[in-house]
Amino acid sequence: MKSLSIKDIAVKANVSITTVSFIINGKAKEKSISEAVIEKVEKIIEESGYKPNQIARSLRTGNSNIIGLIIEDISNSFFSRIARLIEDKAYKRGYKIIYSSTENSIDKAKELINMFKSRKVDAYIISPIKGIEEDIQMLLDDGNPVILFDRNLPDVNTSYVGADHFTASYQSIQSFIDQGKKNIALVTTDINVEQIIERYDGYKKALEDNGIKYDDKLVLKIHFNQEESDTIAQIKELFVNKKIDAVLFATNYLAISGLKVLKKINKKIGDDFAVIAYDDHEAFELHTPAISTVQQPLEEIAENVIKLILKQLSTKTKFENQEIIIPAKLIIRH
């Protein structure tokens, strides 16, 4: 059965289109429309399966009930899992999520913010990159709720939810040292974002506190967005040329490239060589032996992000910004 239009409903109920519109938009009471007419129209709406046009409705009410989610890369399991959690939690509270990936491009991030602005989204959840501070500030100045997650921008005064990356990285290196490891490598990325820098700082501090001299040659900074074959070649060079007895991979995709290298050069994970990967992945549990990992608290991050954004949406007055830092968890598997 074809669903009726607003005009069809008006004809069927023998009332004006304006009356039907007021009822649909919850303004029947203030427009003094009688209970009998409201019931009649609502019954026809229910029977016809009428769905109000979201865009037209948003023009009338000023709300789209859509939240824009901007992340680094939806194909990365960390971001896809957290995006899914945010989407589910938002949906249960009457909001839909539209999301896009920046791929760490400032230009793309700016374009996405403008696209979401034109779609009149009600709020923004952003995993930002440096260089878009002004764009975010403009959103805030226009009164849009904005929550940053995973990465913070210290110069932007808005709420932030993230994990404690410094401590997680420090604990990982400490666990290597407790196993008697001395030549500990770090494979990280060259993105200039706070949470990657914190992982590097945690690595450095743990070595320092244990009296192990920091060696720049044991730190490999991979260029973000380069071909995986280049990443594999660089990791291979690091592993073949050094007496490395442990390695922390600062992201899960770098760890997966690293595991491919270990397989190629036939280097076994065990008593002589230990591995910890940041951000869990199915491959780490399936690997033999299973790979130890730093698990970020995805569920808590998503829950806090949604709570904060809904709080902002329901508060017309000035919102008190909050910074919520949740501990990450080191899971030792082998």
Protein backbone atom coordinates (compact mmCIF):
# COMPACT_ATOMS: atom_id res chain seq x y z
CA MET A 1 0.00 0.00 0.00
CA LYS A 2 1.35 3.42 -1.00
CA SER A 3 1.88 5.68 2.02
CA LEU A 4 -0.21 8.84 2.01
CA SER A 5 1.13 12.36 1.63
CA ILE A 6 0.30 15.13 4.11
CA LYS A 7 -2.25 16.45 1.56
CA ASP A 8 -3.98 13.01 1.30
CA ILE A 9 -4.26 12.85 5.10
CA ALA A 10 -5.84 16.34 5.20
CA VAL A 11 -8.43 15.35 2.54
CA LYS A 12 -9.22 12.07 4.33
CA ALA A 13 -9.63 13.78 7.71
CA ASN A 14 -11.54 16.68 6.15
CA VAL A 15 -9.19 19.27 7.70
CA SER A 16 -6.63 21.72 6.32
CA ILE A 17 -3.04 20.77 5.47
CA THR A 18 -1.91 23.30 8.12
CA THR A 19 -3.89 21.45 10.81
CA VAL A 20 -2.26 18.13 9.86
CA SER A 21 1.16 19.82 9.89
CA PHE A 22 0.57 21.22 13.41
CA ILE A 23 -0.45 17.78 14.67
CA ILE A 24 2.60 16.06 13.11
CA ASN A 25 4.95 18.64 14.65
CA GLY A 26 3.41 18.45 18.12
CA LYS A 27 1.87 21.94 17.99
CA ALA A 28 -1.78 20.86 18.13
CA LYS A 29 -2.30 21.92 21.75
CA GLU A 30 -0.84 25.40 21.37
CA LYS A 31 -2.92 25.91 18.20
CA SER A 32 -6.08 24.86 20.12
CA ILE A 33 -6.93 21.93 17.85
CA SER A 34 -9.65 19.75 19.40
CA GLU A 35 -8.92 16.30 20.85
CA ALA A 36 -11.37 14.71 18.39
CA VAL A 37 -9.52 16.16 15.36
CA ILE A 38 -6.10 15.17 16.79
CA GLU A 39 -7.29 11.58 17.35
CA LYS A 40 -8.86 11.38 13.88
CA VAL A 41 -5.70 12.62 12.13
CA GLU A 42 -3.38 10.43 14.25
CA LYS A 43 -5.45 7.35 13.45
CA ILE A 44 -5.23 8.06 9.70
CA ILE A 45 -1.46 8.66 10.02
CA GLU A 46 -1.01 5.36 11.86
CA GLU A 47 -3.06 3.38 9.36
CA SER A 48 -1.41 4.97 6.32
CA GLY A 49 2.18 4.41 7.49
CA TYR A 50 2.95 8.08 6.83
CA LYS A 51 6.62 8.96 7.45
CA PRO A 52 7.36 12.69 7.71
CA ASN A 53 10.07 13.92 5.35
CA GLN A 54 13.14 14.29 7.58
CA ILE A 55 14.60 17.29 5.71
CA ALA A 56 11.30 19.13 5.46
CA ARG A 57 10.65 18.43 9.10
CA SER A 58 14.09 19.68 10.12
CA LEU A 59 13.39 22.95 8.30
CA ARG A 60 10.24 23.39 10.40
CA THR A 61 11.58 22.29 13.78
CA GLY A 62 15.20 23.38 13.40
CA ASN A 63 16.31 19.86 14.50
CA SER A 64 17.52 17.10 12.18
CA ASN A 65 18.00 14.48 14.93
CA ILE A 66 21.23 13.66 13.11
CA ILE A 67 24.71 13.78 14.65
CA GLY A 68 27.81 14.09 12.45
CA LEU A 69 30.70 11.76 13.35
CA ILE A 70 34.11 12.58 11.87
CA ILE A 71 36.87 9.99 12.36
CA GLU A 72 40.30 9.17 10.96
CA ASP A 73 39.54 5.98 9.04
CA ILE A 74 36.38 3.85 9.15
CA SER A 75 38.31 0.84 7.79
CA ASN A 76 40.48 0.79 10.94
CA SER A 77 38.88 -1.69 13.37
CA PHE A 78 39.30 0.72 16.31
CA PHE A 79 37.26 3.43 14.56
CA SER A 80 34.71 1.08 13.00
CA ARG A 81 33.99 -0.56 16.37
CA ILE A 82 33.68 2.73 18.23
CA ALA A 83 31.56 4.26 15.43
CA ARG A 84 29.21 1.28 15.65
CA LEU A 85 28.88 1.65 19.43
CA ILE A 86 28.19 5.39 19.11
CA GLU A 87 25.64 4.70 16.36
CA ASP A 88 23.77 2.10 18.44
CA LYS A 89 23.73 4.27 21.56
CA ALA A 90 22.56 7.34 19.60
CA TYR A 91 19.83 5.37 17.80
CA LYS A 92 18.37 4.13 21.10
CA ARG A 93 18.07 7.77 22.13
CA GLY A 94 16.33 8.89 18.94
CA TYR A 95 19.35 10.14 16.95
CA LYS A 96 20.92 8.89 13.74
CA ILE A 97 24.64 9.13 12.95
CA ILE A 98 26.25 9.99 9.63
CA TYR A 99 29.99 9.49 9.50
CA SER A 100 32.99 10.12 7.30
CA SER A 101 36.76 9.58 7.43
CA THR A 102 39.32 12.41 7.27
CA GLU A 103 42.26 10.10 6.41
CA ASN A 104 44.25 12.69 8.39
CA SER A 105 43.81 15.29 5.64
CA ILE A 106 43.14 18.82 6.93
CA ASP A 107 41.39 19.78 3.67
CA LYS A 108 39.12 16.74 3.80
CA ALA A 109 38.30 17.38 7.48
CA LYS A 110 37.32 21.00 6.66
CA GLU A 111 35.17 19.82 3.73
CA LEU A 112 33.39 17.27 5.94
CA ILE A 113 32.60 19.90 8.58
CA ASN A 114 31.09 22.11 5.85
CA MET A 115 29.12 19.19 4.41
CA PHE A 116 27.66 18.35 7.85
CA LYS A 117 26.88 22.05 8.39
CA SER A 118 24.88 22.11 5.14
CA ARG A 119 23.05 18.95 6.26
CA LYS A 120 22.10 20.88 9.42
CA VAL A 121 23.27 18.17 11.81
CA ASP A 122 22.38 18.87 15.46
CA ALA A 123 25.83 18.10 16.89
CA TYR A 124 29.35 16.96 16.03
CA ILE A 125 31.52 14.14 17.41
CA ILE A 126 35.06 14.55 16.07
CA SER A 127 38.34 12.65 16.30
CA PRO A 128 40.33 15.68 15.14
CA ILE A 129 43.64 16.48 13.54
CA LYS A 130 45.75 19.57 14.14
CA GLY A 131 44.90 22.32 11.68
CA ILE A 132 41.10 22.32 12.04
CA GLU A 133 41.00 24.25 15.35
CA GLU A 134 39.46 27.34 13.71
CA ASP A 135 36.75 25.32 11.97
CA ILE A 136 35.76 23.65 15.25
CA GLN A 137 35.84 27.01 17.04
CA MET A 138 33.43 28.40 14.43
CA LEU A 139 31.02 25.51 15.10
CA LEU A 140 31.21 26.25 18.85
CA ASP A 141 30.75 30.00 18.28
CA ASP A 142 27.59 29.21 16.30
CA GLY A 143 26.25 27.30 19.32
CA ASN A 144 26.76 23.77 17.95
CA PRO A 145 27.50 21.02 20.49
CA VAL A 146 30.93 19.51 19.69
CA ILE A 147 32.63 16.63 21.52
CA LEU A 148 36.19 15.60 20.70
CA PHE A 149 37.22 11.99 21.29
CA ASP A 150 40.33 9.81 20.94
CA ARG A 151 42.45 12.94 20.27
CA ASN A 152 42.29 16.29 21.98
CA LEU A 153 43.09 19.74 20.65
CA PRO A 154 44.39 21.69 23.67
CA ASP A 155 43.62 25.07 22.04
CA VAL A 156 39.91 24.26 21.57
CA ASN A 157 37.71 24.74 24.61
CA THR A 158 35.20 21.90 24.37
CA SER A 159 34.52 18.52 26.01
CA TYR A 160 36.85 15.60 25.35
CA VAL A 161 36.67 11.85 25.97
CA GLY A 162 39.72 9.61 25.57
CA ALA A 163 41.99 6.96 27.00
CA ASP A 164 45.17 7.39 29.03
CA HIS A 165 47.72 6.58 26.33
CA PHE A 166 50.85 7.59 28.24
CA THR A 167 50.18 5.13 31.10
CA ALA A 168 49.19 2.28 28.76
CA SER A 169 52.39 2.69 26.77
CA TYR A 170 54.50 3.00 29.95
CA GLN A 171 52.94 -0.21 31.39
CA SER A 172 53.61 -2.08 28.14
CA ILE A 173 57.31 -1.20 28.20
CA GLN A 174 57.50 -1.93 31.94
CA SER A 175 56.08 -5.42 31.33
CA PHE A 176 58.82 -6.04 28.71
CA ILE A 177 61.50 -4.86 31.16
CA ASP A 178 60.04 -7.11 33.90
CA GLN A 179 60.55 -10.03 31.47
CA GLY A 180 64.21 -9.04 31.22
CA LYS A 181 64.03 -7.30 27.83
CA LYS A 182 66.71 -4.71 27.09
CA ASN A 183 66.49 -3.80 23.38
CA ILE A 184 62.90 -2.64 23.08
CA ALA A 185 61.71 -1.14 19.80
CA LEU A 186 58.76 1.15 19.12
CA VAL A 187 57.02 1.09 15.74
CA THR A 188 54.83 4.15 15.53
CA THR A 189 53.43 6.63 13.00
CA ASP A 190 54.43 10.18 12.12
CA ILE A 191 50.97 11.72 12.67
CA ASN A 192 51.27 14.81 14.84
CA VAL A 193 48.41 13.97 17.21
CA GLU A 194 48.42 13.95 20.98
CA GLN A 195 47.60 10.30 21.57
CA ILE A 196 50.44 9.08 19.31
CA ILE A 197 52.90 11.48 20.99
CA GLU A 198 51.74 10.20 24.43
CA ARG A 199 52.49 6.60 23.39
CA TYR A 200 56.02 7.67 22.40
CA ASP A 201 56.47 9.63 25.66
CA GLY A 202 55.31 6.62 27.72
CA TYR A 203 57.84 4.41 25.90
CA LYS A 204 60.69 6.88 26.54
CA LYS A 205 59.83 7.48 30.21
CA ALA A 206 59.61 3.74 31.05
CA LEU A 207 63.08 3.16 29.59
CA GLU A 208 64.46 6.17 31.49
CA ASP A 209 62.91 5.11 34.82
CA ASN A 210 64.49 1.67 34.45
CA GLY A 211 67.94 3.00 33.58
CA ILE A 212 67.82 1.81 29.94
CA LYS A 213 69.41 4.25 27.50
CA TYR A 214 67.03 5.57 24.83
CA ASP A 215 68.19 4.63 21.34
CA ASP A 216 66.72 6.57 18.42
CA LYS A 217 67.60 3.70 16.06
CA LEU A 218 65.04 1.48 17.85
CA VAL A 219 62.18 3.90 17.09
CA LEU A 220 60.60 3.58 13.66
CA LYS A 221 58.17 6.32 12.60
CA ILE A 222 56.09 5.14 9.66
CA HIS A 223 54.59 7.73 7.32
CA PHE A 224 50.80 7.69 7.64
CA ASN A 225 48.90 6.61 4.50
CA GLN A 226 51.93 5.11 2.76
CA GLU A 227 51.63 1.81 0.90
CA GLU A 228 51.73 -1.25 3.15
CA SER A 229 54.57 -2.72 1.08
CA ASP A 230 56.75 0.27 2.09
CA THR A 231 55.76 -0.18 5.76
CA ILE A 232 56.65 -3.89 5.59
CA ALA A 233 60.04 -3.08 4.02
CA GLN A 234 60.86 -0.56 6.79
CA ILE A 235 59.80 -2.90 9.61
CA LYS A 236 61.78 -5.73 8.02
CA GLU A 237 64.90 -3.53 7.94
CA LEU A 238 64.40 -2.69 11.64
CA PHE A 239 63.99 -6.35 12.68
CA VAL A 240 66.76 -7.80 10.53
CA ASN A 241 69.40 -5.26 11.49
CA LYS A 242 68.87 -4.96 15.25
CA LYS A 243 69.21 -7.22 18.26
CA ILE A 244 65.66 -6.37 19.23
CA ASP A 245 64.09 -8.57 21.92
CA ALA A 246 60.72 -6.77 22.23
CA VAL A 247 58.54 -4.37 20.23
CA LEU A 248 55.52 -2.17 20.94
CA PHE A 249 53.39 -1.35 17.89
CA ALA A 250 51.64 1.98 18.46
CA THR A 251 48.62 1.09 16.25
CA ASN A 252 46.87 -2.14 15.29
CA TYR A 253 47.45 -1.74 11.52
CA LEU A 254 51.21 -1.35 12.12
CA ALA A 255 51.12 -4.49 14.28
CA ILE A 256 49.44 -6.45 11.46
CA SER A 257 52.17 -5.33 9.03
CA GLY A 258 54.71 -6.32 11.69
CA LEU A 259 53.25 -9.82 12.02
CA LYS A 260 53.53 -10.24 8.24
CA VAL A 261 57.22 -9.30 8.48
CA LEU A 262 57.85 -11.81 11.31
CA LYS A 263 56.28 -14.52 9.19
CA LYS A 264 58.43 -13.54 6.17
CA ILE A 265 61.72 -13.56 8.09
CA ASN A 266 60.65 -16.57 10.18
CA LYS A 267 61.13 -14.77 13.49
CA LYS A 268 59.14 -16.42 16.28
CA ILE A 269 57.33 -14.68 19.13
CA GLY A 270 58.31 -16.37 22.38
CA ASP A 271 60.88 -16.14 25.18
CA ASP A 272 63.45 -14.38 22.98
CA PHE A 273 61.09 -11.94 21.27
CA ALA A 274 58.00 -10.30 22.77
CA VAL A 275 55.28 -8.23 21.06
CA ILE A 276 52.56 -5.89 22.33
CA ALA A 277 50.10 -4.20 19.94
CA TYR A 278 48.11 -1.07 20.67
CA ASP A 279 44.34 -1.35 20.02
CA ASP A 280 43.02 -4.87 19.89
CA HIS A 281 42.18 -6.75 16.68
CA GLU A 282 40.73 -10.20 15.95
CA ALA A 283 44.00 -11.21 14.29
CA PHE A 284 45.86 -10.85 17.61
CA GLU A 285 43.71 -13.47 19.35
CA LEU A 286 43.86 -15.82 16.37
CA HIS A 287 47.65 -15.58 16.05
CA THR A 288 49.76 -18.36 17.57
CA PRO A 289 50.91 -17.42 20.13
CA ALA A 290 48.17 -14.87 20.85
CA ILE A 291 49.43 -11.28 20.76
CA SER A 292 49.38 -9.17 23.93
CA THR A 293 47.54 -5.93 23.44
CA VAL A 294 46.53 -2.57 24.87
CA GLN A 295 42.74 -2.48 24.83
CA GLN A 296 41.09 0.91 24.72
CA PRO A 297 37.80 1.15 26.67
CA LEU A 298 35.60 1.48 23.57
CA GLU A 299 32.28 0.92 25.36
CA GLU A 300 33.02 3.56 28.03
CA ILE A 301 34.36 6.06 25.49
CA ALA A 302 31.21 5.67 23.33
CA GLU A 303 28.86 5.89 26.34
CA ASN A 304 30.53 9.04 27.69
CA VAL A 305 30.59 10.69 24.25
CA ILE A 306 26.84 10.12 23.77
CA LYS A 307 25.97 11.21 27.32
CA LEU A 308 27.91 14.44 26.91
CA ILE A 309 26.49 15.25 23.47
CA LEU A 310 22.88 14.61 24.62
CA LYS A 311 23.49 16.74 27.71
CA GLN A 312 24.67 19.57 25.47
CA LEU A 313 21.72 19.14 23.10
CA SER A 314 19.22 19.36 25.96
CA THR A 315 20.92 22.31 27.69
CA LYS A 316 20.10 25.66 26.23
CA THR A 317 22.39 27.47 28.71
CA LYS A 318 26.21 27.54 28.65
CA PHE A 319 27.50 24.00 29.02
CA GLU A 320 30.33 23.22 31.44
CA ASN A 321 33.08 21.48 29.43
CA GLN A 322 34.38 18.17 30.73
CA GLU A 323 37.53 16.13 30.08
CA ILE A 324 37.01 12.42 30.67
CA ILE A 325 40.14 10.24 30.58
CA ILE A 326 39.53 6.49 30.92
CA PRO A 327 42.35 3.99 31.63
CA ALA A 328 43.32 1.60 28.84
CA LYS A 329 43.96 -2.03 29.73
CA LEU A 330 47.08 -4.08 29.06
CA ILE A 331 46.10 -7.67 28.18
CA ILE A 332 49.06 -10.07 28.40
CA ARG A 333 48.23 -13.11 26.26
CA HIS A 334 51.37 -15.20 25.82
